[in-house]
Amino acid sequence: MSFDEEWATARATAAANVSMRLNRVPTEPGGGTGGGDLELNQDHIGAVGTEAFTLHERLSTDGKHADTSTATAAGALSKEGFATGAALLKAAHRWESQVKTLVAGCATISNGLNYSLSSHNKEEKQLYAEFTSSKIDEYLK
């Protein structure tokens, strides 16, 4: 399957799993279900955060599995006078740098989403408590 075909399939799948809700107050505190076009609920956010964490864990270990053998091969090639040894070592350092960048990105996504969920829940509860205990709530009944 080509990249374009795979990308088109991924876009179609994503489009089928998204709904939108605009200009509407949720029926219950903290969200709810609506018939709109765009809806991002805590289950969706939690699933993305979980996947980011899983990817972080896998990259942290699987991204390093060839470190020792690559360094050994680069050293042996360099010792025998092959320029390939230095090039292999340079490629290994680049790989390591890129894996660290991906791991940090996954951690940022996972931690950010976890923080967003917990802070949103706290704010939602606080706003609900303040609103229901205020004079405004009495007038709306």
N, C-alpha and C. Protein backbone atom coordinates (compact mmCIF):
# COMPACT_ATOMS: atom_id res chain seq x y z
N MET A 1 0.85 -1.17 0.00
CA MET A 1 0.00 0.00 0.00
C MET A 1 0.90 1.23 0.00
N SER A 2 0.62 2.18 -0.88
CA SER A 2 1.42 3.40 -0.95
C SER A 2 1.06 4.34 0.18
N PHE A 3 1.91 5.33 0.39
CA PHE A 3 1.66 6.30 1.46
C PHE A 3 0.34 7.03 1.20
N ASP A 4 0.09 7.45 -0.04
CA ASP A 4 -1.13 8.17 -0.37
C ASP A 4 -2.38 7.34 -0.08
N GLU A 5 -2.32 6.05 -0.41
CA GLU A 5 -3.45 5.17 -0.13
C GLU A 5 -3.67 5.01 1.37
N GLU A 6 -2.56 4.81 2.09
CA GLU A 6 -2.64 4.65 3.54
C GLU A 6 -3.16 5.93 4.20
N TRP A 7 -2.69 7.08 3.73
CA TRP A 7 -3.12 8.36 4.27
C TRP A 7 -4.61 8.57 4.00
N ALA A 8 -5.08 8.24 2.80
CA ALA A 8 -6.49 8.39 2.47
C ALA A 8 -7.36 7.48 3.35
N THR A 9 -6.89 6.28 3.60
CA THR A 9 -7.62 5.35 4.47
C THR A 9 -7.68 5.89 5.90
N ALA A 10 -6.57 6.41 6.39
CA ALA A 10 -6.52 6.96 7.75
C ALA A 10 -7.45 8.17 7.87
N ARG A 11 -7.48 9.02 6.87
CA ARG A 11 -8.35 10.20 6.89
C ARG A 11 -9.82 9.78 6.87
N ALA A 12 -10.14 8.78 6.06
CA ALA A 12 -11.53 8.31 5.98
C ALA A 12 -11.98 7.71 7.32
N THR A 13 -11.09 6.95 7.95
CA THR A 13 -11.41 6.35 9.24
C THR A 13 -11.61 7.42 10.30
N ALA A 14 -10.72 8.41 10.30
CA ALA A 14 -10.83 9.50 11.28
C ALA A 14 -12.11 10.30 11.06
N ALA A 15 -12.44 10.56 9.80
CA ALA A 15 -13.65 11.33 9.50
C ALA A 15 -14.90 10.58 9.95
N ALA A 16 -14.87 9.27 9.87
CA ALA A 16 -16.02 8.48 10.26
C ALA A 16 -16.22 8.46 11.78
N ASN A 17 -15.18 8.76 12.55
CA ASN A 17 -15.24 8.68 14.01
C ASN A 17 -15.34 10.04 14.69
N VAL A 18 -15.64 11.10 13.95
CA VAL A 18 -15.67 12.44 14.51
C VAL A 18 -17.08 13.01 14.38
N SER A 19 -17.49 13.74 15.40
CA SER A 19 -18.75 14.46 15.33
C SER A 19 -18.54 15.88 15.85
N MET A 20 -19.39 16.81 15.45
CA MET A 20 -19.22 18.20 15.84
C MET A 20 -20.49 18.73 16.51
N ARG A 21 -20.29 19.55 17.54
CA ARG A 21 -21.42 20.18 18.23
C ARG A 21 -21.06 21.64 18.43
N LEU A 22 -21.87 22.55 17.90
CA LEU A 22 -21.62 23.99 18.03
C LEU A 22 -22.85 24.70 18.58
N ASN A 23 -22.61 25.85 19.22
CA ASN A 23 -23.69 26.73 19.67
C ASN A 23 -24.74 26.01 20.49
N ARG A 24 -24.29 25.27 21.45
CA ARG A 24 -25.22 24.50 22.24
C ARG A 24 -24.65 24.32 23.64
N VAL A 25 -25.49 24.42 24.65
CA VAL A 25 -25.07 24.18 26.01
C VAL A 25 -25.27 22.70 26.31
N PRO A 26 -24.27 22.05 26.90
CA PRO A 26 -24.43 20.63 27.22
C PRO A 26 -25.61 20.41 28.17
N THR A 27 -26.25 19.27 28.05
CA THR A 27 -27.40 18.97 28.89
C THR A 27 -27.00 18.57 30.30
N GLU A 28 -25.76 18.23 30.50
CA GLU A 28 -25.29 17.84 31.82
C GLU A 28 -23.93 18.47 32.07
N PRO A 29 -23.56 18.71 33.34
CA PRO A 29 -22.26 19.31 33.62
C PRO A 29 -21.12 18.45 33.07
N GLY A 30 -20.15 19.10 32.46
CA GLY A 30 -18.97 18.37 31.99
C GLY A 30 -19.12 17.80 30.60
N GLY A 31 -20.17 18.14 29.89
CA GLY A 31 -20.28 17.64 28.53
C GLY A 31 -21.59 16.97 28.29
N GLY A 32 -21.58 15.88 27.64
CA GLY A 32 -22.78 15.18 27.29
C GLY A 32 -22.69 14.78 25.84
N THR A 33 -23.73 14.18 25.36
CA THR A 33 -23.70 13.77 23.97
C THR A 33 -24.61 14.68 23.18
N GLY A 34 -24.23 14.97 21.99
CA GLY A 34 -25.01 15.83 21.12
C GLY A 34 -25.02 15.27 19.73
N GLY A 35 -25.83 15.84 18.91
CA GLY A 35 -25.94 15.37 17.55
C GLY A 35 -25.15 16.23 16.59
N GLY A 36 -24.23 17.05 17.09
CA GLY A 36 -23.47 17.96 16.24
C GLY A 36 -22.37 17.25 15.47
N ASP A 37 -21.51 18.08 14.88
CA ASP A 37 -20.45 17.55 14.03
C ASP A 37 -19.13 17.32 14.74
N LEU A 38 -18.79 18.13 15.74
CA LEU A 38 -17.51 18.00 16.41
C LEU A 38 -17.72 17.78 17.89
N GLU A 39 -17.20 16.69 18.38
CA GLU A 39 -17.33 16.38 19.79
C GLU A 39 -16.04 15.70 20.23
N LEU A 40 -15.43 16.24 21.25
CA LEU A 40 -14.22 15.63 21.81
C LEU A 40 -14.50 15.43 23.28
N ASN A 41 -14.74 14.21 23.67
CA ASN A 41 -15.06 13.98 25.06
C ASN A 41 -13.85 13.40 25.80
N GLN A 42 -14.02 13.21 27.08
CA GLN A 42 -12.90 12.77 27.91
C GLN A 42 -12.41 11.37 27.52
N ASP A 43 -13.30 10.53 27.02
CA ASP A 43 -12.88 9.20 26.58
C ASP A 43 -11.92 9.30 25.39
N HIS A 44 -12.25 10.21 24.46
CA HIS A 44 -11.37 10.41 23.30
C HIS A 44 -10.00 10.94 23.74
N ILE A 45 -10.03 11.95 24.60
CA ILE A 45 -8.77 12.54 25.07
C ILE A 45 -7.97 11.49 25.85
N GLY A 46 -8.64 10.73 26.69
CA GLY A 46 -7.97 9.69 27.46
C GLY A 46 -7.34 8.64 26.57
N ALA A 47 -8.04 8.27 25.49
CA ALA A 47 -7.50 7.26 24.57
C ALA A 47 -6.25 7.78 23.87
N VAL A 48 -6.26 9.03 23.46
CA VAL A 48 -5.07 9.62 22.81
C VAL A 48 -3.92 9.68 23.81
N GLY A 49 -4.20 10.09 25.05
CA GLY A 49 -3.16 10.14 26.07
C GLY A 49 -2.58 8.77 26.37
N THR A 50 -3.43 7.76 26.40
CA THR A 50 -2.97 6.38 26.64
C THR A 50 -2.07 5.91 25.51
N GLU A 51 -2.47 6.18 24.28
CA GLU A 51 -1.65 5.79 23.13
C GLU A 51 -0.31 6.51 23.14
N ALA A 52 -0.32 7.78 23.50
CA ALA A 52 0.93 8.55 23.57
C ALA A 52 1.85 7.96 24.64
N PHE A 53 1.28 7.58 25.78
CA PHE A 53 2.08 6.97 26.84
C PHE A 53 2.64 5.62 26.39
N THR A 54 1.81 4.81 25.74
CA THR A 54 2.26 3.51 25.24
C THR A 54 3.39 3.67 24.24
N LEU A 55 3.23 4.62 23.33
CA LEU A 55 4.28 4.88 22.34
C LEU A 55 5.55 5.37 23.03
N HIS A 56 5.40 6.21 24.04
CA HIS A 56 6.55 6.69 24.81
C HIS A 56 7.33 5.52 25.42
N GLU A 57 6.60 4.61 26.05
CA GLU A 57 7.25 3.45 26.69
C GLU A 57 7.95 2.57 25.66
N ARG A 58 7.29 2.31 24.53
CA ARG A 58 7.88 1.44 23.51
C ARG A 58 9.10 2.10 22.87
N LEU A 59 9.00 3.39 22.56
CA LEU A 59 10.14 4.08 21.96
C LEU A 59 11.33 4.14 22.91
N SER A 60 11.03 4.30 24.19
CA SER A 60 12.11 4.38 25.19
C SER A 60 12.96 3.11 25.21
N THR A 61 12.32 1.97 24.99
CA THR A 61 13.08 0.71 25.00
C THR A 61 13.46 0.25 23.60
N ASP A 62 12.50 0.20 22.70
CA ASP A 62 12.76 -0.33 21.36
C ASP A 62 13.67 0.56 20.53
N GLY A 63 13.66 1.86 20.81
CA GLY A 63 14.51 2.78 20.06
C GLY A 63 15.98 2.62 20.35
N LYS A 64 16.32 1.87 21.41
CA LYS A 64 17.72 1.71 21.83
C LYS A 64 18.26 0.30 21.61
N HIS A 65 17.47 -0.58 21.04
CA HIS A 65 17.88 -1.99 21.00
C HIS A 65 19.14 -2.25 20.18
N ALA A 66 19.50 -1.37 19.26
CA ALA A 66 20.69 -1.60 18.44
C ALA A 66 21.88 -0.74 18.85
N ASP A 67 21.78 -0.02 19.97
CA ASP A 67 22.85 0.89 20.38
C ASP A 67 24.20 0.18 20.55
N THR A 68 24.22 -0.88 21.32
CA THR A 68 25.48 -1.56 21.62
C THR A 68 26.10 -2.17 20.37
N SER A 69 25.32 -2.88 19.58
CA SER A 69 25.87 -3.53 18.39
C SER A 69 26.31 -2.50 17.35
N THR A 70 25.60 -1.39 17.25
CA THR A 70 25.99 -0.34 16.31
C THR A 70 27.31 0.29 16.73
N ALA A 71 27.44 0.58 18.01
CA ALA A 71 28.69 1.18 18.51
C ALA A 71 29.86 0.22 18.32
N THR A 72 29.63 -1.07 18.56
CA THR A 72 30.68 -2.08 18.37
C THR A 72 31.10 -2.15 16.91
N ALA A 73 30.10 -2.19 16.02
CA ALA A 73 30.40 -2.25 14.58
C ALA A 73 31.12 -1.00 14.12
N ALA A 74 30.69 0.17 14.57
CA ALA A 74 31.34 1.42 14.18
C ALA A 74 32.78 1.44 14.67
N GLY A 75 33.00 0.99 15.90
CA GLY A 75 34.37 0.94 16.43
C GLY A 75 35.26 -0.01 15.65
N ALA A 76 34.73 -1.19 15.32
CA ALA A 76 35.51 -2.17 14.57
C ALA A 76 35.84 -1.66 13.16
N LEU A 77 34.88 -1.04 12.51
CA LEU A 77 35.12 -0.50 11.17
C LEU A 77 36.14 0.64 11.21
N SER A 78 36.02 1.51 12.19
CA SER A 78 36.97 2.62 12.32
C SER A 78 38.37 2.10 12.62
N LYS A 79 38.47 1.09 13.47
CA LYS A 79 39.77 0.51 13.84
C LYS A 79 40.48 -0.07 12.62
N GLU A 80 39.71 -0.60 11.68
CA GLU A 80 40.28 -1.18 10.46
C GLU A 80 40.50 -0.13 9.38
N GLY A 81 40.20 1.14 9.69
CA GLY A 81 40.46 2.22 8.74
C GLY A 81 39.33 2.51 7.76
N PHE A 82 38.17 1.97 7.98
CA PHE A 82 37.04 2.23 7.09
C PHE A 82 36.33 3.53 7.50
N ALA A 83 36.07 4.38 6.53
CA ALA A 83 35.34 5.62 6.79
C ALA A 83 33.89 5.33 7.17
N THR A 84 33.42 4.15 6.82
CA THR A 84 32.06 3.74 7.15
C THR A 84 31.83 3.72 8.66
N GLY A 85 32.87 3.44 9.42
CA GLY A 85 32.75 3.40 10.88
C GLY A 85 32.32 4.75 11.44
N ALA A 86 32.97 5.81 10.98
CA ALA A 86 32.61 7.16 11.45
C ALA A 86 31.20 7.53 10.98
N ALA A 87 30.86 7.14 9.75
CA ALA A 87 29.53 7.44 9.22
C ALA A 87 28.46 6.67 10.00
N LEU A 88 28.74 5.42 10.34
CA LEU A 88 27.79 4.63 11.11
C LEU A 88 27.59 5.22 12.50
N LEU A 89 28.67 5.68 13.12
CA LEU A 89 28.58 6.30 14.43
C LEU A 89 27.76 7.60 14.35
N LYS A 90 27.98 8.37 13.30
CA LYS A 90 27.22 9.61 13.10
C LYS A 90 25.73 9.30 12.93
N ALA A 91 25.41 8.27 12.15
CA ALA A 91 24.02 7.86 11.95
C ALA A 91 23.40 7.40 13.27
N ALA A 92 24.17 6.69 14.09
CA ALA A 92 23.68 6.22 15.39
C ALA A 92 23.37 7.39 16.32
N HIS A 93 24.25 8.40 16.30
CA HIS A 93 24.00 9.58 17.14
C HIS A 93 22.76 10.34 16.67
N ARG A 94 22.59 10.44 15.36
CA ARG A 94 21.40 11.10 14.82
C ARG A 94 20.15 10.33 15.22
N TRP A 95 20.21 9.01 15.09
CA TRP A 95 19.07 8.16 15.47
C TRP A 95 18.71 8.38 16.94
N GLU A 96 19.74 8.36 17.79
CA GLU A 96 19.52 8.55 19.22
C GLU A 96 18.86 9.90 19.51
N SER A 97 19.34 10.93 18.84
CA SER A 97 18.77 12.27 19.02
C SER A 97 17.31 12.31 18.59
N GLN A 98 17.00 11.67 17.48
CA GLN A 98 15.63 11.70 16.98
C GLN A 98 14.69 10.86 17.86
N VAL A 99 15.19 9.74 18.36
CA VAL A 99 14.38 8.93 19.27
C VAL A 99 14.08 9.72 20.55
N LYS A 100 15.08 10.42 21.07
CA LYS A 100 14.86 11.24 22.27
C LYS A 100 13.82 12.33 22.01
N THR A 101 13.86 12.92 20.82
CA THR A 101 12.88 13.94 20.47
C THR A 101 11.47 13.35 20.42
N LEU A 102 11.33 12.18 19.81
CA LEU A 102 10.02 11.51 19.75
C LEU A 102 9.52 11.12 21.14
N VAL A 103 10.42 10.59 21.96
CA VAL A 103 10.04 10.19 23.32
C VAL A 103 9.57 11.41 24.11
N ALA A 104 10.30 12.51 23.99
CA ALA A 104 9.90 13.74 24.69
C ALA A 104 8.56 14.26 24.17
N GLY A 105 8.34 14.18 22.87
CA GLY A 105 7.07 14.61 22.30
C GLY A 105 5.91 13.77 22.81
N CYS A 106 6.09 12.47 22.86
CA CYS A 106 5.04 11.58 23.37
C CYS A 106 4.75 11.86 24.84
N ALA A 107 5.80 12.11 25.61
CA ALA A 107 5.62 12.43 27.03
C ALA A 107 4.86 13.74 27.19
N THR A 108 5.19 14.73 26.36
CA THR A 108 4.52 16.02 26.43
C THR A 108 3.03 15.87 26.11
N ILE A 109 2.72 15.10 25.08
CA ILE A 109 1.32 14.88 24.71
C ILE A 109 0.58 14.15 25.82
N SER A 110 1.16 13.06 26.30
CA SER A 110 0.51 12.27 27.35
C SER A 110 0.29 13.09 28.61
N ASN A 111 1.34 13.76 29.07
CA ASN A 111 1.23 14.55 30.30
C ASN A 111 0.28 15.73 30.12
N GLY A 112 0.35 16.37 28.96
CA GLY A 112 -0.54 17.51 28.71
C GLY A 112 -2.00 17.11 28.70
N LEU A 113 -2.30 15.98 28.08
CA LEU A 113 -3.69 15.54 28.04
C LEU A 113 -4.17 15.11 29.43
N ASN A 114 -3.32 14.43 30.18
CA ASN A 114 -3.69 14.04 31.54
C ASN A 114 -3.97 15.27 32.40
N TYR A 115 -3.10 16.30 32.27
CA TYR A 115 -3.30 17.53 33.02
C TYR A 115 -4.59 18.22 32.58
N SER A 116 -4.82 18.27 31.27
CA SER A 116 -6.02 18.92 30.76
C SER A 116 -7.28 18.26 31.31
N LEU A 117 -7.30 16.93 31.31
CA LEU A 117 -8.47 16.21 31.82
C LEU A 117 -8.71 16.53 33.29
N SER A 118 -7.67 16.42 34.10
CA SER A 118 -7.86 16.63 35.53
C SER A 118 -8.19 18.08 35.85
N SER A 119 -7.54 19.04 35.18
CA SER A 119 -7.84 20.44 35.48
C SER A 119 -9.23 20.82 34.99
N HIS A 120 -9.64 20.27 33.84
CA HIS A 120 -10.99 20.55 33.33
C HIS A 120 -12.04 20.00 34.31
N ASN A 121 -11.83 18.80 34.81
CA ASN A 121 -12.78 18.23 35.78
C ASN A 121 -12.89 19.09 37.03
N LYS A 122 -11.75 19.55 37.55
CA LYS A 122 -11.76 20.39 38.75
C LYS A 122 -12.49 21.70 38.48
N GLU A 123 -12.17 22.34 37.34
CA GLU A 123 -12.82 23.61 37.01
C GLU A 123 -14.32 23.43 36.80
N GLU A 124 -14.70 22.35 36.15
CA GLU A 124 -16.11 22.09 35.89
C GLU A 124 -16.87 21.90 37.20
N LYS A 125 -16.31 21.15 38.12
CA LYS A 125 -16.95 20.93 39.42
C LYS A 125 -17.04 22.24 40.21
N GLN A 126 -15.96 23.03 40.16
CA GLN A 126 -15.96 24.29 40.89
C GLN A 126 -17.01 25.25 40.31
N LEU A 127 -17.06 25.36 39.00
CA LEU A 127 -18.05 26.24 38.37
C LEU A 127 -19.48 25.78 38.67
N TYR A 128 -19.70 24.49 38.60
CA TYR A 128 -21.03 23.96 38.89
C TYR A 128 -21.43 24.26 40.34
N ALA A 129 -20.49 24.04 41.26
CA ALA A 129 -20.78 24.30 42.68
C ALA A 129 -21.05 25.79 42.92
N GLU A 130 -20.25 26.66 42.30
CA GLU A 130 -20.45 28.09 42.48
C GLU A 130 -21.77 28.55 41.87
N PHE A 131 -22.08 28.02 40.71
CA PHE A 131 -23.30 28.44 40.03
C PHE A 131 -24.54 27.97 40.78
N THR A 132 -24.54 26.73 41.21
CA THR A 132 -25.74 26.20 41.88
C THR A 132 -25.93 26.78 43.27
N SER A 133 -24.91 27.37 43.84
CA SER A 133 -25.06 27.97 45.17
C SER A 133 -25.25 29.49 45.07
N SER A 134 -25.37 30.04 43.87
CA SER A 134 -25.49 31.48 43.71
C SER A 134 -26.95 31.91 43.55
N LYS A 135 -27.20 33.19 43.66
CA LYS A 135 -28.54 33.76 43.47
C LYS A 135 -29.01 33.57 42.03
N ILE A 136 -28.10 33.54 41.09
CA ILE A 136 -28.46 33.38 39.68
C ILE A 136 -29.21 32.08 39.50
N ASP A 137 -28.77 31.04 40.15
CA ASP A 137 -29.42 29.74 40.02
C ASP A 137 -30.87 29.79 40.50
N GLU A 138 -31.11 30.56 41.56
CA GLU A 138 -32.48 30.70 42.08
C GLU A 138 -33.39 31.36 41.06
N TYR A 139 -32.87 32.34 40.35
CA TYR A 139 -33.69 33.06 39.34
C TYR A 139 -33.98 32.20 38.12
N LEU A 140 -33.12 31.23 37.83
CA LEU A 140 -33.30 30.41 36.65
C LEU A 140 -34.22 29.24 36.88
N LYS A 141 -34.60 28.99 38.11
CA LYS A 141 -35.47 27.84 38.41
C LYS A 141 -36.91 28.13 38.09
